[in-house]
């Protein structure tokens, strides 16, 4: 459908006899915040690697930003942003240098990098830190910079892999304000998190158990379905049946 930026059907990934992702099917709507949850070993990281062009499936099909995950992985990479929990930044370089490097990697013209960087640093509150080396920044500032460089090329979709790990609750709330801001500007957010309170911020949530999607709906609908007061309770109910861990 035209309003879907991700479409997946029976996506499967096997490693020998082990099925890491087991025939999952779902869609992500344009402009939504889609939460992708699962306990350790559930298969969510493997699934994300297939969606971002970092790994090929064993079977199944899917498109991301309109491009086929089997045949157009390089085009997918050009139309998405990706922020890992390890913040892939150059720690010995300055904030400004990192922005220039990542902007160049994504093919943004040099003049345009400067314009976009100024706008984004203003929005994220990084103007005064532009000449600071990344290794000298507090964790929360590194998080903001990692987010900035992942959207410098104005992608259709931003993949956020546990982006708020290791920061305090206040910084986590501020980061979610940034997510809402970019979604308001037309970018779709695909988020993994192990903080169940953050899952409540998503428009819809997928919950994986042992490589399969066991539930997918809005937070309110999932809580009604499982007679739970929180998404954490829903997660606990579904995770009880898990047979594997990492």
C-alpha atoms as a PDB file:
ATOM      1  CA  UNK A   1       0.000   0.000   0.000  1.00  0.00           C
ATOM      2  CA  UNK A   2       1.089   3.574  -0.704  1.00  0.00           C
ATOM      3  CA  UNK A   3       0.971   4.609   2.963  1.00  0.00           C
ATOM      4  CA  UNK A   4       3.319   1.812   4.069  1.00  0.00           C
ATOM      5  CA  UNK A   5       7.053   2.475   4.223  1.00  0.00           C
ATOM      6  CA  UNK A   6       7.886  -1.090   5.292  1.00  0.00           C
ATOM      7  CA  UNK A   7       6.117  -4.238   4.135  1.00  0.00           C
ATOM      8  CA  UNK A   8       7.270  -7.693   5.216  1.00  0.00           C
ATOM      9  CA  UNK A   9       5.765 -11.080   4.363  1.00  0.00           C
ATOM     10  CA  UNK A  10       6.923 -14.399   5.825  1.00  0.00           C
ATOM     11  CA  UNK A  11      10.428 -13.023   6.438  1.00  0.00           C
ATOM     12  CA  UNK A  12      12.703 -15.788   7.707  1.00  0.00           C
ATOM     13  CA  UNK A  13      16.357 -16.024   8.694  1.00  0.00           C
ATOM     14  CA  UNK A  14      18.066 -19.316   9.507  1.00  0.00           C
ATOM     15  CA  UNK A  15      21.575 -20.040  10.713  1.00  0.00           C
ATOM     16  CA  UNK A  16      22.030 -23.715   9.981  1.00  0.00           C
ATOM     17  CA  UNK A  17      19.265 -25.539  11.832  1.00  0.00           C
ATOM     18  CA  UNK A  18      18.490 -22.525  14.021  1.00  0.00           C
ATOM     19  CA  UNK A  19      15.622 -20.243  12.926  1.00  0.00           C
ATOM     20  CA  UNK A  20      16.372 -16.772  14.278  1.00  0.00           C
ATOM     21  CA  UNK A  21      13.418 -15.076  12.551  1.00  0.00           C
ATOM     22  CA  UNK A  22      10.445 -17.310  11.818  1.00  0.00           C
ATOM     23  CA  UNK A  23       8.060 -16.193   9.033  1.00  0.00           C
ATOM     24  CA  UNK A  24       7.213 -12.737  10.342  1.00  0.00           C
ATOM     25  CA  UNK A  25       4.777 -10.456   8.486  1.00  0.00           C
ATOM     26  CA  UNK A  26       3.931  -6.823   9.247  1.00  0.00           C
ATOM     27  CA  UNK A  27       3.676  -3.299   7.809  1.00  0.00           C
ATOM     28  CA  UNK A  28       4.912   0.036   9.082  1.00  0.00           C
ATOM     29  CA  UNK A  29       2.768   3.045   8.175  1.00  0.00           C
ATOM     30  CA  UNK A  30       4.262   6.280   6.919  1.00  0.00           C
ATOM     31  CA  UNK A  31       4.705   8.836   9.695  1.00  0.00           C
ATOM     32  CA  UNK A  32       4.232   6.516  12.670  1.00  0.00           C
ATOM     33  CA  UNK A  33       6.467   5.501  15.554  1.00  0.00           C
ATOM     34  CA  UNK A  34       6.682   1.720  15.348  1.00  0.00           C
ATOM     35  CA  UNK A  35       8.003  -0.115  18.391  1.00  0.00           C
ATOM     36  CA  UNK A  36       9.817  -3.407  17.786  1.00  0.00           C
ATOM     37  CA  UNK A  37      10.087  -5.265  21.095  1.00  0.00           C
ATOM     38  CA  UNK A  38      11.417  -8.613  22.160  1.00  0.00           C
ATOM     39  CA  UNK A  39      13.395 -10.276  24.922  1.00  0.00           C
ATOM     40  CA  UNK A  40      17.038 -11.262  24.424  1.00  0.00           C
ATOM     41  CA  UNK A  41      17.152 -13.942  21.750  1.00  0.00           C
ATOM     42  CA  UNK A  42      13.736 -13.065  20.310  1.00  0.00           C
ATOM     43  CA  UNK A  43      15.180 -12.220  16.900  1.00  0.00           C
ATOM     44  CA  UNK A  44      14.520  -8.490  16.705  1.00  0.00           C
ATOM     45  CA  UNK A  45      18.151  -7.530  16.003  1.00  0.00           C
ATOM     46  CA  UNK A  46      18.393 -10.114  13.214  1.00  0.00           C
ATOM     47  CA  UNK A  47      15.136  -8.819  11.730  1.00  0.00           C
ATOM     48  CA  UNK A  48      16.372  -5.234  11.851  1.00  0.00           C
ATOM     49  CA  UNK A  49      19.585  -6.193  10.048  1.00  0.00           C
ATOM     50  CA  UNK A  50      17.535  -7.620   7.191  1.00  0.00           C
ATOM     51  CA  UNK A  51      15.406  -4.482   6.988  1.00  0.00           C
ATOM     52  CA  UNK A  52      18.424  -2.170   6.915  1.00  0.00           C
ATOM     53  CA  UNK A  53      20.259  -4.086   4.187  1.00  0.00           C
ATOM     54  CA  UNK A  54      22.929  -5.506   6.488  1.00  0.00           C
ATOM     55  CA  UNK A  55      21.834  -9.134   6.100  1.00  0.00           C
ATOM     56  CA  UNK A  56      19.905 -11.140   3.515  1.00  0.00           C
ATOM     57  CA  UNK A  57      16.888 -13.282   4.475  1.00  0.00           C
ATOM     58  CA  UNK A  58      16.728 -17.017   4.041  1.00  0.00           C
ATOM     59  CA  UNK A  59      13.217 -16.702   2.619  1.00  0.00           C
ATOM     60  CA  UNK A  60      10.261 -14.375   2.509  1.00  0.00           C
ATOM     61  CA  UNK A  61       9.955 -10.953   0.976  1.00  0.00           C
ATOM     62  CA  UNK A  62       9.855  -7.325   1.953  1.00  0.00           C
ATOM     63  CA  UNK A  63      10.290  -3.717   0.932  1.00  0.00           C
ATOM     64  CA  UNK A  64      11.718  -0.764   2.819  1.00  0.00           C
ATOM     65  CA  UNK A  65      11.044   2.757   1.505  1.00  0.00           C
ATOM     66  CA  UNK A  66       9.738   1.037  -1.621  1.00  0.00           C
ATOM     67  CA  UNK A  67      12.946  -0.928  -2.294  1.00  0.00           C
ATOM     68  CA  UNK A  68      13.268  -4.697  -2.310  1.00  0.00           C
ATOM     69  CA  UNK A  69      15.324  -6.169   0.537  1.00  0.00           C
ATOM     70  CA  UNK A  70      16.667  -8.902  -1.756  1.00  0.00           C
ATOM     71  CA  UNK A  71      17.804  -6.876  -4.742  1.00  0.00           C
ATOM     72  CA  UNK A  72      18.010  -3.214  -3.674  1.00  0.00           C
ATOM     73  CA  UNK A  73      19.796  -3.200  -0.316  1.00  0.00           C
ATOM     74  CA  UNK A  74      22.154  -0.379  -1.342  1.00  0.00           C
ATOM     75  CA  UNK A  75      19.216   1.831  -2.291  1.00  0.00           C
ATOM     76  CA  UNK A  76      17.578   1.035   1.036  1.00  0.00           C
ATOM     77  CA  UNK A  77      20.693   2.256   2.866  1.00  0.00           C
ATOM     78  CA  UNK A  78      20.488   5.602   1.048  1.00  0.00           C
ATOM     79  CA  UNK A  79      16.887   6.198   2.106  1.00  0.00           C
ATOM     80  CA  UNK A  80      17.097   5.251   5.775  1.00  0.00           C
ATOM     81  CA  UNK A  81      18.905   6.491   8.848  1.00  0.00           C
ATOM     82  CA  UNK A  82      20.307   4.125  11.451  1.00  0.00           C
ATOM     83  CA  UNK A  83      21.308   4.852  15.028  1.00  0.00           C
ATOM     84  CA  UNK A  84      22.778   1.958  16.991  1.00  0.00           C
ATOM     85  CA  UNK A  85      22.975   1.697  20.753  1.00  0.00           C
ATOM     86  CA  UNK A  86      26.778   1.911  20.485  1.00  0.00           C
ATOM     87  CA  UNK A  87      26.732   5.324  18.745  1.00  0.00           C
ATOM     88  CA  UNK A  88      29.065   4.785  15.768  1.00  0.00           C
ATOM     89  CA  UNK A  89      30.871   8.132  16.055  1.00  0.00           C
ATOM     90  CA  UNK A  90      34.504   9.194  15.577  1.00  0.00           C
ATOM     91  CA  UNK A  91      35.454   9.929  19.185  1.00  0.00           C
ATOM     92  CA  UNK A  92      38.733  11.753  18.477  1.00  0.00           C
ATOM     93  CA  UNK A  93      37.069  14.201  16.071  1.00  0.00           C
ATOM     94  CA  UNK A  94      34.874  17.198  16.829  1.00  0.00           C
ATOM     95  CA  UNK A  95      31.102  17.391  16.599  1.00  0.00           C
ATOM     96  CA  UNK A  96      31.431  19.454  13.412  1.00  0.00           C
ATOM     97  CA  UNK A  97      33.886  16.977  11.864  1.00  0.00           C
ATOM     98  CA  UNK A  98      31.553  14.060  12.564  1.00  0.00           C
ATOM     99  CA  UNK A  99      28.655  15.865  10.915  1.00  0.00           C
ATOM    100  CA  UNK A 100      30.755  16.607   7.820  1.00  0.00           C
ATOM    101  CA  UNK A 101      31.949  12.999   7.555  1.00  0.00           C
ATOM    102  CA  UNK A 102      28.530  11.405   7.909  1.00  0.00           C
ATOM    103  CA  UNK A 103      26.931  13.974   5.635  1.00  0.00           C
ATOM    104  CA  UNK A 104      29.504  13.065   2.992  1.00  0.00           C
ATOM    105  CA  UNK A 105      28.917   9.335   3.496  1.00  0.00           C
ATOM    106  CA  UNK A 106      25.216   9.879   2.838  1.00  0.00           C
ATOM    107  CA  UNK A 107      25.976  11.925  -0.281  1.00  0.00           C
ATOM    108  CA  UNK A 108      24.776  15.300   0.971  1.00  0.00           C
ATOM    109  CA  UNK A 109      26.498  18.171  -0.927  1.00  0.00           C
ATOM    110  CA  UNK A 110      29.063  20.013   1.222  1.00  0.00           C
ATOM    111  CA  UNK A 111      27.205  23.329   1.170  1.00  0.00           C
ATOM    112  CA  UNK A 112      23.973  21.590   2.087  1.00  0.00           C
ATOM    113  CA  UNK A 113      25.698  19.776   4.968  1.00  0.00           C
ATOM    114  CA  UNK A 114      26.590  23.126   6.541  1.00  0.00           C
ATOM    115  CA  UNK A 115      23.047  24.433   6.195  1.00  0.00           C
ATOM    116  CA  UNK A 116      21.437  21.275   7.568  1.00  0.00           C
ATOM    117  CA  UNK A 117      24.019  20.963  10.343  1.00  0.00           C
ATOM    118  CA  UNK A 118      23.370  24.522  11.548  1.00  0.00           C
ATOM    119  CA  UNK A 119      19.623  23.896  11.593  1.00  0.00           C
ATOM    120  CA  UNK A 120      19.903  20.550  13.382  1.00  0.00           C
ATOM    121  CA  UNK A 121      22.473  21.721  15.934  1.00  0.00           C
ATOM    122  CA  UNK A 122      20.178  24.607  16.795  1.00  0.00           C
ATOM    123  CA  UNK A 123      17.196  22.282  17.220  1.00  0.00           C
ATOM    124  CA  UNK A 124      19.168  19.747  19.289  1.00  0.00           C
ATOM    125  CA  UNK A 125      21.023  22.317  21.399  1.00  0.00           C
ATOM    126  CA  UNK A 126      24.486  21.380  20.128  1.00  0.00           C
ATOM    127  CA  UNK A 127      25.648  24.777  18.813  1.00  0.00           C
ATOM    128  CA  UNK A 128      28.023  25.482  21.702  1.00  0.00           C
ATOM    129  CA  UNK A 129      29.558  21.996  21.414  1.00  0.00           C
ATOM    130  CA  UNK A 130      30.317  22.068  17.676  1.00  0.00           C
ATOM    131  CA  UNK A 131      34.092  22.270  18.216  1.00  0.00           C
ATOM    132  CA  UNK A 132      34.234  19.812  21.120  1.00  0.00           C
ATOM    133  CA  UNK A 133      35.765  16.388  20.605  1.00  0.00           C
ATOM    134  CA  UNK A 134      33.183  13.649  20.839  1.00  0.00           C
ATOM    135  CA  UNK A 135      35.084  11.716  23.523  1.00  0.00           C
ATOM    136  CA  UNK A 136      34.854  14.754  25.810  1.00  0.00           C
ATOM    137  CA  UNK A 137      31.061  14.970  25.558  1.00  0.00           C
ATOM    138  CA  UNK A 138      28.652  13.575  28.182  1.00  0.00           C
ATOM    139  CA  UNK A 139      26.690  10.493  27.094  1.00  0.00           C
ATOM    140  CA  UNK A 140      23.519  12.480  26.514  1.00  0.00           C
ATOM    141  CA  UNK A 141      25.276  14.825  24.082  1.00  0.00           C
ATOM    142  CA  UNK A 142      26.804  11.876  22.216  1.00  0.00           C
ATOM    143  CA  UNK A 143      23.303  10.482  21.908  1.00  0.00           C
ATOM    144  CA  UNK A 144      22.055  13.735  20.382  1.00  0.00           C
ATOM    145  CA  UNK A 145      24.955  13.837  17.931  1.00  0.00           C
ATOM    146  CA  UNK A 146      24.381  10.217  16.862  1.00  0.00           C
ATOM    147  CA  UNK A 147      20.761  11.105  16.220  1.00  0.00           C
ATOM    148  CA  UNK A 148      21.740  14.218  14.232  1.00  0.00           C
ATOM    149  CA  UNK A 149      24.107  12.387  11.877  1.00  0.00           C
ATOM    150  CA  UNK A 150      21.531   9.649  11.290  1.00  0.00           C
ATOM    151  CA  UNK A 151      19.018  12.181   9.907  1.00  0.00           C
ATOM    152  CA  UNK A 152      21.409  14.632   8.176  1.00  0.00           C
ATOM    153  CA  UNK A 153      20.356  13.241   4.767  1.00  0.00           C
ATOM    154  CA  UNK A 154      16.633  13.542   5.568  1.00  0.00           C
ATOM    155  CA  UNK A 155      15.763   9.837   5.314  1.00  0.00           C
ATOM    156  CA  UNK A 156      12.274   8.446   4.926  1.00  0.00           C
ATOM    157  CA  UNK A 157      12.763   6.076   7.867  1.00  0.00           C
ATOM    158  CA  UNK A 158      14.997   6.233  10.932  1.00  0.00           C
ATOM    159  CA  UNK A 159      15.915   2.939  12.622  1.00  0.00           C
ATOM    160  CA  UNK A 160      16.716   3.456  16.298  1.00  0.00           C
ATOM    161  CA  UNK A 161      18.244   0.420  18.012  1.00  0.00           C
ATOM    162  CA  UNK A 162      17.815   0.916  21.781  1.00  0.00           C
ATOM    163  CA  UNK A 163      18.842   4.568  21.384  1.00  0.00           C
ATOM    164  CA  UNK A 164      18.333   5.620  25.005  1.00  0.00           C
ATOM    165  CA  UNK A 165      20.408   2.921  26.708  1.00  0.00           C
ATOM    166  CA  UNK A 166      22.778   4.222  29.358  1.00  0.00           C
ATOM    167  CA  UNK A 167      21.283   7.681  29.862  1.00  0.00           C
ATOM    168  CA  UNK A 168      19.246   9.049  32.769  1.00  0.00           C
ATOM    169  CA  UNK A 169      15.434   9.296  32.712  1.00  0.00           C
ATOM    170  CA  UNK A 170      15.456  13.054  32.005  1.00  0.00           C
ATOM    171  CA  UNK A 171      17.702  12.550  28.962  1.00  0.00           C
ATOM    172  CA  UNK A 172      15.475   9.705  27.795  1.00  0.00           C
ATOM    173  CA  UNK A 173      12.413  11.976  27.885  1.00  0.00           C
ATOM    174  CA  UNK A 174      14.288  14.682  25.962  1.00  0.00           C
ATOM    175  CA  UNK A 175      15.322  12.160  23.341  1.00  0.00           C
ATOM    176  CA  UNK A 176      11.737  11.072  22.808  1.00  0.00           C
ATOM    177  CA  UNK A 177      10.825  14.712  22.252  1.00  0.00           C
ATOM    178  CA  UNK A 178      13.374  14.667  19.405  1.00  0.00           C
ATOM    179  CA  UNK A 179      11.764  11.534  17.955  1.00  0.00           C
ATOM    180  CA  UNK A 180       8.335  13.173  18.011  1.00  0.00           C
ATOM    181  CA  UNK A 181       9.816  16.249  16.356  1.00  0.00           C
ATOM    182  CA  UNK A 182      11.305  14.378  13.377  1.00  0.00           C
ATOM    183  CA  UNK A 183       8.140  12.306  12.965  1.00  0.00           C
ATOM    184  CA  UNK A 184       6.169  15.549  12.808  1.00  0.00           C
ATOM    185  CA  UNK A 185       8.528  16.547   9.980  1.00  0.00           C
ATOM    186  CA  UNK A 186       7.678  13.452   7.965  1.00  0.00           C
ATOM    187  CA  UNK A 187      10.235  10.818   9.030  1.00  0.00           C
ATOM    188  CA  UNK A 188       8.942   7.399  10.136  1.00  0.00           C
ATOM    189  CA  UNK A 189      10.578   5.987  13.293  1.00  0.00           C
ATOM    190  CA  UNK A 190      11.279   2.263  13.802  1.00  0.00           C
ATOM    191  CA  UNK A 191      12.397   1.814  17.413  1.00  0.00           C
ATOM    192  CA  UNK A 192      13.681  -1.043  19.528  1.00  0.00           C
ATOM    193  CA  UNK A 193      13.797  -0.482  23.278  1.00  0.00           C
ATOM    194  CA  UNK A 194      13.954  -2.513  26.462  1.00  0.00           C
ATOM    195  CA  UNK A 195      12.281   0.275  28.456  1.00  0.00           C
ATOM    196  CA  UNK A 196       8.622  -0.670  28.637  1.00  0.00           C
ATOM    197  CA  UNK A 197       7.550   2.872  29.536  1.00  0.00           C
ATOM    198  CA  UNK A 198       9.048   4.030  26.214  1.00  0.00           C
ATOM    199  CA  UNK A 199       7.007   1.464  24.340  1.00  0.00           C
ATOM    200  CA  UNK A 200       3.920   3.355  25.495  1.00  0.00           C
ATOM    201  CA  UNK A 201       5.071   6.314  23.343  1.00  0.00           C
ATOM    202  CA  UNK A 202       4.776   4.304  20.106  1.00  0.00           C
ATOM    203  CA  UNK A 203       1.766   4.374  17.802  1.00  0.00           C
ATOM    204  CA  UNK A 204       1.946   0.597  17.401  1.00  0.00           C
ATOM    205  CA  UNK A 205       4.063  -2.135  18.938  1.00  0.00           C
ATOM    206  CA  UNK A 206       5.233  -5.503  17.660  1.00  0.00           C
ATOM    207  CA  UNK A 207       6.297  -8.060  20.260  1.00  0.00           C
ATOM    208  CA  UNK A 208       8.563 -10.936  19.224  1.00  0.00           C
ATOM    209  CA  UNK A 209       8.981 -14.223  21.077  1.00  0.00           C
ATOM    210  CA  UNK A 210      11.313 -16.979  19.815  1.00  0.00           C
ATOM    211  CA  UNK A 211      11.585 -15.440  16.367  1.00  0.00           C
ATOM    212  CA  UNK A 212       7.847 -14.942  15.836  1.00  0.00           C
ATOM    213  CA  UNK A 213       5.594 -11.909  16.206  1.00  0.00           C
ATOM    214  CA  UNK A 214       3.169 -12.832  18.975  1.00  0.00           C
ATOM    215  CA  UNK A 215       1.310  -9.512  19.146  1.00  0.00           C
ATOM    216  CA  UNK A 216       1.049  -6.318  17.098  1.00  0.00           C
ATOM    217  CA  UNK A 217      -1.250  -3.411  17.878  1.00  0.00           C
ATOM    218  CA  UNK A 218      -1.455  -0.034  19.572  1.00  0.00           C
ATOM    219  CA  UNK A 219      -0.391   0.119  23.247  1.00  0.00           C
ATOM    220  CA  UNK A 220      -3.967   0.721  24.397  1.00  0.00           C
ATOM    221  CA  UNK A 221      -5.349  -2.169  22.338  1.00  0.00           C
ATOM    222  CA  UNK A 222      -2.678  -4.567  23.610  1.00  0.00           C
ATOM    223  CA  UNK A 223      -3.382  -3.641  27.216  1.00  0.00           C
ATOM    224  CA  UNK A 224      -7.097  -4.255  26.689  1.00  0.00           C
ATOM    225  CA  UNK A 225      -6.479  -7.581  24.954  1.00  0.00           C
ATOM    226  CA  UNK A 226      -4.319  -8.928  27.782  1.00  0.00           C
ATOM    227  CA  UNK A 227      -6.197  -7.189  30.623  1.00  0.00           C
ATOM    228  CA  UNK A 228      -2.966  -5.451  31.615  1.00  0.00           C
ATOM    229  CA  UNK A 229      -2.303  -2.060  33.157  1.00  0.00           C
ATOM    230  CA  UNK A 230       0.967  -1.493  31.319  1.00  0.00           C
ATOM    231  CA  UNK A 231       2.907  -2.638  28.275  1.00  0.00           C
ATOM    232  CA  UNK A 232       5.407  -4.118  30.710  1.00  0.00           C
ATOM    233  CA  UNK A 233       2.699  -6.491  31.944  1.00  0.00           C
ATOM    234  CA  UNK A 234       1.788  -7.434  28.362  1.00  0.00           C
ATOM    235  CA  UNK A 235       5.445  -8.130  27.627  1.00  0.00           C
ATOM    236  CA  UNK A 236       5.772 -10.323  30.729  1.00  0.00           C
ATOM    237  CA  UNK A 237       2.699 -12.343  29.742  1.00  0.00           C
ATOM    238  CA  UNK A 238       4.039 -13.002  26.243  1.00  0.00           C
ATOM    239  CA  UNK A 239       7.654 -13.581  27.305  1.00  0.00           C
ATOM    240  CA  UNK A 240       6.703 -16.331  29.776  1.00  0.00           C
ATOM    241  CA  UNK A 241       6.444 -18.759  26.895  1.00  0.00           C
ATOM    242  CA  UNK A 242       9.893 -17.967  25.492  1.00  0.00           C
ATOM    243  CA  UNK A 243      12.111 -21.009  25.072  1.00  0.00           C
ATOM    244  CA  UNK A 244      15.384 -19.315  24.188  1.00  0.00           C
ATOM    245  CA  UNK A 245      17.679 -16.519  25.385  1.00  0.00           C
ATOM    246  CA  UNK A 246      20.844 -15.050  23.985  1.00  0.00           C
END
